[in-house]
Amino acid sequence: MRGMSEPRRPRSREDYARGLPDHHDPTAGVGGAPPARSALTLRLVLAAFGLVVCVGGGFLWLAADVPAWPAVVLFVLGAIALVDIAVILRRKARGEPG
């Protein structure tokens, strides 16, 4: 077992496939349930959809003759989706499954 003073090594794809330490899946073995998997690809698709909808909706809202604050809200949500996409791509590049 590794001591607290030892540095952590970067995790590899095999580490994720083997399972991370201290991970407990409460559904493991219950009714033949498969092991839990990360849904990074689904999260990436949903974040990209949110980015397109929010930015497109923001520009459409600005084109209309209405108050601009809803467009600002949509642009902020689009920026959050963009940050989420960056985080997901970083995790996928590290080799996390999903």
PDB file of N, CA and C in Angstrom:
ATOM      1  N   MET A   1       0.847  -1.183   0.000  1.00  0.00           N
ATOM      2  CA  MET A   1       0.000   0.000   0.000  1.00  0.00           C
ATOM      3  C   MET A   1       0.887   1.239   0.000  1.00  0.00           C
ATOM      4  N   ARG A   2       0.479   2.230  -0.674  1.00  0.00           N
ATOM      5  CA  ARG A   2       1.237   3.450  -0.852  1.00  0.00           C
ATOM      6  C   ARG A   2       1.051   4.362   0.352  1.00  0.00           C
ATOM      7  N   GLY A   3       2.149   4.964   0.784  1.00  0.00           N
ATOM      8  CA  GLY A   3       2.101   5.890   1.915  1.00  0.00           C
ATOM      9  C   GLY A   3       1.593   7.252   1.489  1.00  0.00           C
ATOM     10  N   MET A   4       1.288   8.070   2.461  1.00  0.00           N
ATOM     11  CA  MET A   4       0.750   9.400   2.169  1.00  0.00           C
ATOM     12  C   MET A   4       1.797  10.326   1.554  1.00  0.00           C
ATOM     13  N   SER A   5       3.098  10.043   1.814  1.00  0.00           N
ATOM     14  CA  SER A   5       4.128  10.943   1.313  1.00  0.00           C
ATOM     15  C   SER A   5       4.555  10.611  -0.109  1.00  0.00           C
ATOM     16  N   GLU A   6       4.149   9.448  -0.627  1.00  0.00           N
ATOM     17  CA  GLU A   6       4.546   9.078  -1.976  1.00  0.00           C
ATOM     18  C   GLU A   6       3.697   9.842  -2.997  1.00  0.00           C
ATOM     19  N   PRO A   7       4.344  10.325  -4.070  1.00  0.00           N
ATOM     20  CA  PRO A   7       3.573  11.053  -5.081  1.00  0.00           C
ATOM     21  C   PRO A   7       2.690  10.105  -5.883  1.00  0.00           C
ATOM     22  N   ARG A   8       1.600  10.626  -6.386  1.00  0.00           N
ATOM     23  CA  ARG A   8       0.705   9.838  -7.231  1.00  0.00           C
ATOM     24  C   ARG A   8       1.244   9.804  -8.642  1.00  0.00           C
ATOM     25  N   ARG A   9       1.118   8.661  -9.268  1.00  0.00           N
ATOM     26  CA  ARG A   9       1.495   8.576 -10.674  1.00  0.00           C
ATOM     27  C   ARG A   9       0.238   8.837 -11.507  1.00  0.00           C
ATOM     28  N   PRO A  10       0.394   9.327 -12.712  1.00  0.00           N
ATOM     29  CA  PRO A  10      -0.780   9.557 -13.562  1.00  0.00           C
ATOM     30  C   PRO A  10      -1.493   8.230 -13.834  1.00  0.00           C
ATOM     31  N   ARG A  11      -2.806   8.265 -13.827  1.00  0.00           N
ATOM     32  CA  ARG A  11      -3.573   7.044 -14.072  1.00  0.00           C
ATOM     33  C   ARG A  11      -3.582   6.721 -15.559  1.00  0.00           C
ATOM     34  N   SER A  12      -3.529   5.433 -15.857  1.00  0.00           N
ATOM     35  CA  SER A  12      -3.550   4.986 -17.247  1.00  0.00           C
ATOM     36  C   SER A  12      -4.925   4.417 -17.571  1.00  0.00           C
ATOM     37  N   ARG A  13      -5.126   4.104 -18.841  1.00  0.00           N
ATOM     38  CA  ARG A  13      -6.381   3.494 -19.277  1.00  0.00           C
ATOM     39  C   ARG A  13      -6.600   2.164 -18.560  1.00  0.00           C
ATOM     40  N   GLU A  14      -5.523   1.418 -18.316  1.00  0.00           N
ATOM     41  CA  GLU A  14      -5.640   0.135 -17.630  1.00  0.00           C
ATOM     42  C   GLU A  14      -6.112   0.317 -16.184  1.00  0.00           C
ATOM     43  N   ASP A  15      -5.670   1.403 -15.543  1.00  0.00           N
ATOM     44  CA  ASP A  15      -6.130   1.678 -14.176  1.00  0.00           C
ATOM     45  C   ASP A  15      -7.638   1.860 -14.144  1.00  0.00           C
ATOM     46  N   TYR A  16      -8.171   2.581 -15.122  1.00  0.00           N
ATOM     47  CA  TYR A  16      -9.610   2.803 -15.166  1.00  0.00           C
ATOM     48  C   TYR A  16     -10.348   1.515 -15.513  1.00  0.00           C
ATOM     49  N   ALA A  17      -9.771   0.706 -16.409  1.00  0.00           N
ATOM     50  CA  ALA A  17     -10.412  -0.560 -16.768  1.00  0.00           C
ATOM     51  C   ALA A  17     -10.427  -1.524 -15.576  1.00  0.00           C
ATOM     52  N   ARG A  18      -9.368  -1.509 -14.782  1.00  0.00           N
ATOM     53  CA  ARG A  18      -9.256  -2.381 -13.617  1.00  0.00           C
ATOM     54  C   ARG A  18     -10.159  -1.902 -12.487  1.00  0.00           C
ATOM     55  N   GLY A  19     -10.423  -0.621 -12.439  1.00  0.00           N
ATOM     56  CA  GLY A  19     -11.228  -0.035 -11.367  1.00  0.00           C
ATOM     57  C   GLY A  19     -10.338   0.780 -10.453  1.00  0.00           C
ATOM     58  N   LEU A  20     -10.834   1.893 -10.011  1.00  0.00           N
ATOM     59  CA  LEU A  20     -10.049   2.772  -9.150  1.00  0.00           C
ATOM     60  C   LEU A  20     -10.099   2.280  -7.710  1.00  0.00           C
ATOM     61  N   PRO A  21      -9.038   2.533  -6.939  1.00  0.00           N
ATOM     62  CA  PRO A  21      -9.045   2.107  -5.549  1.00  0.00           C
ATOM     63  C   PRO A  21     -10.141   2.815  -4.761  1.00  0.00           C
ATOM     64  N   ASP A  22     -10.641   2.121  -3.769  1.00  0.00           N
ATOM     65  CA  ASP A  22     -11.695   2.641  -2.901  1.00  0.00           C
ATOM     66  C   ASP A  22     -13.011   2.877  -3.625  1.00  0.00           C
ATOM     67  N   HIS A  23     -13.162   2.294  -4.819  1.00  0.00           N
ATOM     68  CA  HIS A  23     -14.429   2.422  -5.529  1.00  0.00           C
ATOM     69  C   HIS A  23     -15.301   1.236  -5.153  1.00  0.00           C
ATOM     70  N   HIS A  24     -16.534   1.512  -4.811  1.00  0.00           N
ATOM     71  CA  HIS A  24     -17.471   0.452  -4.474  1.00  0.00           C
ATOM     72  C   HIS A  24     -18.725   0.625  -5.309  1.00  0.00           C
ATOM     73  N   ASP A  25     -19.066  -0.407  -6.061  1.00  0.00           N
ATOM     74  CA  ASP A  25     -20.282  -0.388  -6.863  1.00  0.00           C
ATOM     75  C   ASP A  25     -21.346  -1.182  -6.128  1.00  0.00           C
ATOM     76  N   PRO A  26     -22.334  -0.498  -5.535  1.00  0.00           N
ATOM     77  CA  PRO A  26     -23.332  -1.220  -4.743  1.00  0.00           C
ATOM     78  C   PRO A  26     -24.196  -2.162  -5.572  1.00  0.00           C
ATOM     79  N   THR A  27     -24.240  -1.992  -6.901  1.00  0.00           N
ATOM     80  CA  THR A  27     -25.058  -2.873  -7.733  1.00  0.00           C
ATOM     81  C   THR A  27     -24.266  -4.040  -8.309  1.00  0.00           C
ATOM     82  N   ALA A  28     -22.990  -4.149  -7.974  1.00  0.00           N
ATOM     83  CA  ALA A  28     -22.155  -5.215  -8.542  1.00  0.00           C
ATOM     84  C   ALA A  28     -22.710  -6.575  -8.136  1.00  0.00           C
ATOM     85  N   GLY A  29     -23.012  -7.384  -9.111  1.00  0.00           N
ATOM     86  CA  GLY A  29     -23.476  -8.728  -8.862  1.00  0.00           C
ATOM     87  C   GLY A  29     -24.947  -8.847  -8.526  1.00  0.00           C
ATOM     88  N   VAL A  30     -25.673  -7.757  -8.456  1.00  0.00           N
ATOM     89  CA  VAL A  30     -27.093  -7.812  -8.129  1.00  0.00           C
ATOM     90  C   VAL A  30     -27.874  -8.050  -9.417  1.00  0.00           C
ATOM     91  N   GLY A  31     -28.500  -9.173  -9.513  1.00  0.00           N
ATOM     92  CA  GLY A  31     -29.322  -9.487 -10.687  1.00  0.00           C
ATOM     93  C   GLY A  31     -28.537  -9.514 -11.983  1.00  0.00           C
ATOM     94  N   GLY A  32     -27.256  -9.786 -11.913  1.00  0.00           N
ATOM     95  CA  GLY A  32     -26.444  -9.835 -13.128  1.00  0.00           C
ATOM     96  C   GLY A  32     -26.218  -8.472 -13.743  1.00  0.00           C
ATOM     97  N   ALA A  33     -26.303  -7.422 -12.941  1.00  0.00           N
ATOM     98  CA  ALA A  33     -26.126  -6.061 -13.455  1.00  0.00           C
ATOM     99  C   ALA A  33     -24.692  -5.874 -13.926  1.00  0.00           C
ATOM    100  N   PRO A  34     -24.496  -5.246 -15.093  1.00  0.00           N
ATOM    101  CA  PRO A  34     -23.136  -4.991 -15.563  1.00  0.00           C
ATOM    102  C   PRO A  34     -22.484  -3.908 -14.707  1.00  0.00           C
ATOM    103  N   PRO A  35     -21.156  -3.845 -14.705  1.00  0.00           N
ATOM    104  CA  PRO A  35     -20.491  -2.798 -13.936  1.00  0.00           C
ATOM    105  C   PRO A  35     -20.852  -1.410 -14.476  1.00  0.00           C
ATOM    106  N   ALA A  36     -20.879  -0.455 -13.581  1.00  0.00           N
ATOM    107  CA  ALA A  36     -21.224   0.912 -13.975  1.00  0.00           C
ATOM    108  C   ALA A  36     -20.162   1.464 -14.918  1.00  0.00           C
ATOM    109  N   ARG A  37     -20.586   2.230 -15.913  1.00  0.00           N
ATOM    110  CA  ARG A  37     -19.683   2.847 -16.885  1.00  0.00           C
ATOM    111  C   ARG A  37     -19.909   4.353 -16.896  1.00  0.00           C
ATOM    112  N   SER A  38     -18.865   5.054 -17.217  1.00  0.00           N
ATOM    113  CA  SER A  38     -18.964   6.497 -17.335  1.00  0.00           C
ATOM    114  C   SER A  38     -19.679   6.849 -18.634  1.00  0.00           C
ATOM    115  N   ALA A  39     -20.436   7.915 -18.627  1.00  0.00           N
ATOM    116  CA  ALA A  39     -21.180   8.347 -19.811  1.00  0.00           C
ATOM    117  C   ALA A  39     -20.566   9.622 -20.375  1.00  0.00           C
ATOM    118  N   LEU A  40     -19.241   9.632 -20.548  1.00  0.00           N
ATOM    119  CA  LEU A  40     -18.580  10.848 -21.026  1.00  0.00           C
ATOM    120  C   LEU A  40     -19.010  11.219 -22.435  1.00  0.00           C
ATOM    121  N   THR A  41     -19.187  10.228 -23.306  1.00  0.00           N
ATOM    122  CA  THR A  41     -19.565  10.543 -24.681  1.00  0.00           C
ATOM    123  C   THR A  41     -20.966  11.143 -24.718  1.00  0.00           C
ATOM    124  N   LEU A  42     -21.885  10.583 -23.944  1.00  0.00           N
ATOM    125  CA  LEU A  42     -23.236  11.153 -23.880  1.00  0.00           C
ATOM    126  C   LEU A  42     -23.182  12.567 -23.317  1.00  0.00           C
ATOM    127  N   ARG A  43     -22.377  12.762 -22.293  1.00  0.00           N
ATOM    128  CA  ARG A  43     -22.245  14.094 -21.700  1.00  0.00           C
ATOM    129  C   ARG A  43     -21.666  15.080 -22.715  1.00  0.00           C
ATOM    130  N   LEU A  44     -20.717  14.609 -23.542  1.00  0.00           N
ATOM    131  CA  LEU A  44     -20.134  15.465 -24.577  1.00  0.00           C
ATOM    132  C   LEU A  44     -21.185  15.863 -25.612  1.00  0.00           C
ATOM    133  N   VAL A  45     -21.991  14.918 -26.047  1.00  0.00           N
ATOM    134  CA  VAL A  45     -23.033  15.205 -27.035  1.00  0.00           C
ATOM    135  C   VAL A  45     -24.049  16.197 -26.463  1.00  0.00           C
ATOM    136  N   LEU A  46     -24.464  15.978 -25.217  1.00  0.00           N
ATOM    137  CA  LEU A  46     -25.440  16.879 -24.608  1.00  0.00           C
ATOM    138  C   LEU A  46     -24.870  18.286 -24.393  1.00  0.00           C
ATOM    139  N   ALA A  47     -23.600  18.369 -24.015  1.00  0.00           N
ATOM    140  CA  ALA A  47     -22.982  19.688 -23.832  1.00  0.00           C
ATOM    141  C   ALA A  47     -22.852  20.416 -25.167  1.00  0.00           C
ATOM    142  N   ALA A  48     -22.497  19.688 -26.229  1.00  0.00           N
ATOM    143  CA  ALA A  48     -22.395  20.313 -27.554  1.00  0.00           C
ATOM    144  C   ALA A  48     -23.766  20.798 -28.020  1.00  0.00           C
ATOM    145  N   PHE A  49     -24.802  19.982 -27.782  1.00  0.00           N
ATOM    146  CA  PHE A  49     -26.163  20.398 -28.128  1.00  0.00           C
ATOM    147  C   PHE A  49     -26.563  21.653 -27.346  1.00  0.00           C
ATOM    148  N   GLY A  50     -26.255  21.670 -26.054  1.00  0.00           N
ATOM    149  CA  GLY A  50     -26.569  22.835 -25.236  1.00  0.00           C
ATOM    150  C   GLY A  50     -25.832  24.078 -25.700  1.00  0.00           C
ATOM    151  N   LEU A  51     -24.576  23.905 -26.105  1.00  0.00           N
ATOM    152  CA  LEU A  51     -23.799  25.044 -26.604  1.00  0.00           C
ATOM    153  C   LEU A  51     -24.434  25.622 -27.862  1.00  0.00           C
ATOM    154  N   VAL A  52     -24.793  24.769 -28.810  1.00  0.00           N
ATOM    155  CA  VAL A  52     -25.386  25.232 -30.067  1.00  0.00           C
ATOM    156  C   VAL A  52     -26.730  25.909 -29.810  1.00  0.00           C
ATOM    157  N   VAL A  53     -27.571  25.299 -28.981  1.00  0.00           N
ATOM    158  CA  VAL A  53     -28.898  25.850 -28.711  1.00  0.00           C
ATOM    159  C   VAL A  53     -28.787  27.185 -27.974  1.00  0.00           C
ATOM    160  N   CYS A  54     -27.911  27.256 -26.973  1.00  0.00           N
ATOM    161  CA  CYS A  54     -27.798  28.492 -26.186  1.00  0.00           C
ATOM    162  C   CYS A  54     -27.224  29.642 -27.005  1.00  0.00           C
ATOM    163  N   VAL A  55     -26.166  29.378 -27.760  1.00  0.00           N
ATOM    164  CA  VAL A  55     -25.565  30.460 -28.557  1.00  0.00           C
ATOM    165  C   VAL A  55     -26.517  30.872 -29.686  1.00  0.00           C
ATOM    166  N   GLY A  56     -27.106  29.883 -30.360  1.00  0.00           N
ATOM    167  CA  GLY A  56     -28.062  30.210 -31.429  1.00  0.00           C
ATOM    168  C   GLY A  56     -29.269  30.959 -30.891  1.00  0.00           C
ATOM    169  N   GLY A  57     -29.802  30.490 -29.768  1.00  0.00           N
ATOM    170  CA  GLY A  57     -30.941  31.168 -29.161  1.00  0.00           C
ATOM    171  C   GLY A  57     -30.591  32.571 -28.701  1.00  0.00           C
ATOM    172  N   GLY A  58     -29.373  32.750 -28.190  1.00  0.00           N
ATOM    173  CA  GLY A  58     -28.940  34.076 -27.757  1.00  0.00           C
ATOM    174  C   GLY A  58     -28.886  35.065 -28.907  1.00  0.00           C
ATOM    175  N   PHE A  59     -28.342  34.609 -30.055  1.00  0.00           N
ATOM    176  CA  PHE A  59     -28.271  35.503 -31.217  1.00  0.00           C
ATOM    177  C   PHE A  59     -29.664  35.790 -31.784  1.00  0.00           C
ATOM    178  N   LEU A  60     -30.522  34.779 -31.792  1.00  0.00           N
ATOM    179  CA  LEU A  60     -31.896  35.020 -32.254  1.00  0.00           C
ATOM    180  C   LEU A  60     -32.626  35.987 -31.329  1.00  0.00           C
ATOM    181  N   TRP A  61     -32.365  35.854 -30.041  1.00  0.00           N
ATOM    182  CA  TRP A  61     -33.022  36.746 -29.078  1.00  0.00           C
ATOM    183  C   TRP A  61     -32.542  38.188 -29.280  1.00  0.00           C
ATOM    184  N   LEU A  62     -31.237  38.343 -29.551  1.00  0.00           N
ATOM    185  CA  LEU A  62     -30.712  39.695 -29.781  1.00  0.00           C
ATOM    186  C   LEU A  62     -31.273  40.303 -31.064  1.00  0.00           C
ATOM    187  N   ALA A  63     -31.606  39.463 -32.047  1.00  0.00           N
ATOM    188  CA  ALA A  63     -32.144  39.970 -33.307  1.00  0.00           C
ATOM    189  C   ALA A  63     -33.571  40.486 -33.144  1.00  0.00           C
ATOM    190  N   ALA A  64     -34.274  39.980 -32.130  1.00  0.00           N
ATOM    191  CA  ALA A  64     -35.651  40.426 -31.893  1.00  0.00           C
ATOM    192  C   ALA A  64     -35.623  41.759 -31.133  1.00  0.00           C
ATOM    193  N   ASP A  65     -36.742  42.440 -31.175  1.00  0.00           N
ATOM    194  CA  ASP A  65     -36.851  43.729 -30.497  1.00  0.00           C
ATOM    195  C   ASP A  65     -37.435  43.523 -29.099  1.00  0.00           C
ATOM    196  N   VAL A  66     -36.652  42.876 -28.239  1.00  0.00           N
ATOM    197  CA  VAL A  66     -37.074  42.542 -26.866  1.00  0.00           C
ATOM    198  C   VAL A  66     -35.900  42.839 -25.925  1.00  0.00           C
ATOM    199  N   PRO A  67     -36.122  42.807 -24.614  1.00  0.00           N
ATOM    200  CA  PRO A  67     -35.005  43.045 -23.668  1.00  0.00           C
ATOM    201  C   PRO A  67     -33.863  42.039 -23.880  1.00  0.00           C
ATOM    202  N   ALA A  68     -32.645  42.481 -23.622  1.00  0.00           N
ATOM    203  CA  ALA A  68     -31.466  41.669 -23.938  1.00  0.00           C
ATOM    204  C   ALA A  68     -31.040  40.730 -22.820  1.00  0.00           C
ATOM    205  N   TRP A  69     -31.581  40.849 -21.603  1.00  0.00           N
ATOM    206  CA  TRP A  69     -31.072  40.037 -20.503  1.00  0.00           C
ATOM    207  C   TRP A  69     -31.259  38.531 -20.715  1.00  0.00           C
ATOM    208  N   PRO A  70     -32.337  38.052 -21.379  1.00  0.00           N
ATOM    209  CA  PRO A  70     -32.402  36.605 -21.618  1.00  0.00           C
ATOM    210  C   PRO A  70     -31.278  36.112 -22.546  1.00  0.00           C
ATOM    211  N   ALA A  71     -30.871  36.948 -23.488  1.00  0.00           N
ATOM    212  CA  ALA A  71     -29.762  36.576 -24.368  1.00  0.00           C
ATOM    213  C   ALA A  71     -28.473  36.450 -23.570  1.00  0.00           C
ATOM    214  N   VAL A  72     -28.270  37.327 -22.609  1.00  0.00           N
ATOM    215  CA  VAL A  72     -27.078  37.249 -21.758  1.00  0.00           C
ATOM    216  C   VAL A  72     -27.093  35.945 -20.963  1.00  0.00           C
ATOM    217  N   VAL A  73     -28.262  35.569 -20.448  1.00  0.00           N
ATOM    218  CA  VAL A  73     -28.383  34.307 -19.714  1.00  0.00           C
ATOM    219  C   VAL A  73     -28.038  33.138 -20.621  1.00  0.00           C
ATOM    220  N   LEU A  74     -28.535  33.160 -21.860  1.00  0.00           N
ATOM    221  CA  LEU A  74     -28.225  32.080 -22.802  1.00  0.00           C
ATOM    222  C   LEU A  74     -26.734  32.030 -23.126  1.00  0.00           C
ATOM    223  N   PHE A  75     -26.103  33.166 -23.277  1.00  0.00           N
ATOM    224  CA  PHE A  75     -24.660  33.179 -23.556  1.00  0.00           C
ATOM    225  C   PHE A  75     -23.857  32.655 -22.363  1.00  0.00           C
ATOM    226  N   VAL A  76     -24.287  32.968 -21.161  1.00  0.00           N
ATOM    227  CA  VAL A  76     -23.609  32.442 -19.970  1.00  0.00           C
ATOM    228  C   VAL A  76     -23.757  30.922 -19.919  1.00  0.00           C
ATOM    229  N   LEU A  77     -24.950  30.413 -20.187  1.00  0.00           N
ATOM    230  CA  LEU A  77     -25.154  28.966 -20.222  1.00  0.00           C
ATOM    231  C   LEU A  77     -24.327  28.319 -21.331  1.00  0.00           C
ATOM    232  N   GLY A  78     -24.192  29.006 -22.464  1.00  0.00           N
ATOM    233  CA  GLY A  78     -23.336  28.510 -23.543  1.00  0.00           C
ATOM    234  C   GLY A  78     -21.877  28.454 -23.120  1.00  0.00           C
ATOM    235  N   ALA A  79     -21.425  29.447 -22.352  1.00  0.00           N
ATOM    236  CA  ALA A  79     -20.045  29.437 -21.853  1.00  0.00           C
ATOM    237  C   ALA A  79     -19.831  28.286 -20.874  1.00  0.00           C
ATOM    238  N   ILE A  80     -20.824  28.009 -20.049  1.00  0.00           N
ATOM    239  CA  ILE A  80     -20.723  26.876 -19.125  1.00  0.00           C
ATOM    240  C   ILE A  80     -20.638  25.574 -19.906  1.00  0.00           C
ATOM    241  N   ALA A  81     -21.435  25.447 -20.970  1.00  0.00           N
ATOM    242  CA  ALA A  81     -21.373  24.249 -21.808  1.00  0.00           C
ATOM    243  C   ALA A  81     -19.999  24.114 -22.463  1.00  0.00           C
ATOM    244  N   LEU A  82     -19.405  25.221 -22.870  1.00  0.00           N
ATOM    245  CA  LEU A  82     -18.079  25.192 -23.481  1.00  0.00           C
ATOM    246  C   LEU A  82     -17.019  24.716 -22.490  1.00  0.00           C
ATOM    247  N   VAL A  83     -17.096  25.186 -21.256  1.00  0.00           N
ATOM    248  CA  VAL A  83     -16.172  24.727 -20.217  1.00  0.00           C
ATOM    249  C   VAL A  83     -16.376  23.235 -19.958  1.00  0.00           C
ATOM    250  N   ASP A  84     -17.624  22.793 -19.926  1.00  0.00           N
ATOM    251  CA  ASP A  84     -17.912  21.370 -19.725  1.00  0.00           C
ATOM    252  C   ASP A  84     -17.330  20.534 -20.853  1.00  0.00           C
ATOM    253  N   ILE A  85     -17.420  21.001 -22.087  1.00  0.00           N
ATOM    254  CA  ILE A  85     -16.835  20.281 -23.220  1.00  0.00           C
ATOM    255  C   ILE A  85     -15.326  20.161 -23.051  1.00  0.00           C
ATOM    256  N   ALA A  86     -14.680  21.233 -22.606  1.00  0.00           N
ATOM    257  CA  ALA A  86     -13.230  21.194 -22.401  1.00  0.00           C
ATOM    258  C   ALA A  86     -12.853  20.173 -21.327  1.00  0.00           C
ATOM    259  N   VAL A  87     -13.623  20.131 -20.244  1.00  0.00           N
ATOM    260  CA  VAL A  87     -13.353  19.174 -19.170  1.00  0.00           C
ATOM    261  C   VAL A  87     -13.540  17.743 -19.671  1.00  0.00           C
ATOM    262  N   ILE A  88     -14.598  17.503 -20.422  1.00  0.00           N
ATOM    263  CA  ILE A  88     -14.865  16.161 -20.945  1.00  0.00           C
ATOM    264  C   ILE A  88     -13.750  15.729 -21.889  1.00  0.00           C
ATOM    265  N   LEU A  89     -13.337  16.614 -22.794  1.00  0.00           N
ATOM    266  CA  LEU A  89     -12.273  16.258 -23.739  1.00  0.00           C
ATOM    267  C   LEU A  89     -10.960  15.978 -23.013  1.00  0.00           C
ATOM    268  N   ARG A  90     -10.686  16.728 -21.947  1.00  0.00           N
ATOM    269  CA  ARG A  90      -9.471  16.475 -21.164  1.00  0.00           C
ATOM    270  C   ARG A  90      -9.536  15.104 -20.504  1.00  0.00           C
ATOM    271  N   ARG A  91     -10.696  14.762 -19.944  1.00  0.00           N
ATOM    272  CA  ARG A  91     -10.840  13.456 -19.295  1.00  0.00           C
ATOM    273  C   ARG A  91     -10.735  12.327 -20.302  1.00  0.00           C
ATOM    274  N   LYS A  92     -11.308  12.500 -21.499  1.00  0.00           N
ATOM    275  CA  LYS A  92     -11.219  11.464 -22.534  1.00  0.00           C
ATOM    276  C   LYS A  92      -9.769  11.343 -23.028  1.00  0.00           C
ATOM    277  N   ALA A  93      -9.049  12.444 -23.116  1.00  0.00           N
ATOM    278  CA  ALA A  93      -7.654  12.388 -23.561  1.00  0.00           C
ATOM    279  C   ALA A  93      -6.770  11.683 -22.539  1.00  0.00           C
ATOM    280  N   ARG A  94      -7.150  11.763 -21.265  1.00  0.00           N
ATOM    281  CA  ARG A  94      -6.408  11.057 -20.222  1.00  0.00           C
ATOM    282  C   ARG A  94      -6.605   9.554 -20.301  1.00  0.00           C
ATOM    283  N   GLY A  95      -7.655   9.136 -20.982  1.00  0.00           N
ATOM    284  CA  GLY A  95      -7.902   7.722 -21.147  1.00  0.00           C
ATOM    285  C   GLY A  95      -9.047   7.176 -20.337  1.00  0.00           C
ATOM    286  N   GLU A  96      -9.858   8.043 -19.764  1.00  0.00           N
ATOM    287  CA  GLU A  96     -10.999   7.542 -18.999  1.00  0.00           C
ATOM    288  C   GLU A  96     -11.997   6.902 -19.972  1.00  0.00           C
ATOM    289  N   PRO A  97     -12.573   5.770 -19.589  1.00  0.00           N
ATOM    290  CA  PRO A  97     -13.532   5.120 -20.485  1.00  0.00           C
ATOM    291  C   PRO A  97     -14.840   5.892 -20.527  1.00  0.00           C
ATOM    292  N   GLY A  98     -15.588   5.664 -21.564  1.00  0.00           N
ATOM    293  CA  GLY A  98     -16.896   6.284 -21.642  1.00  0.00           C
ATOM    294  C   GLY A  98     -17.035   7.025 -22.903  1.00  0.00           C
TER     295      GLY A  98
END
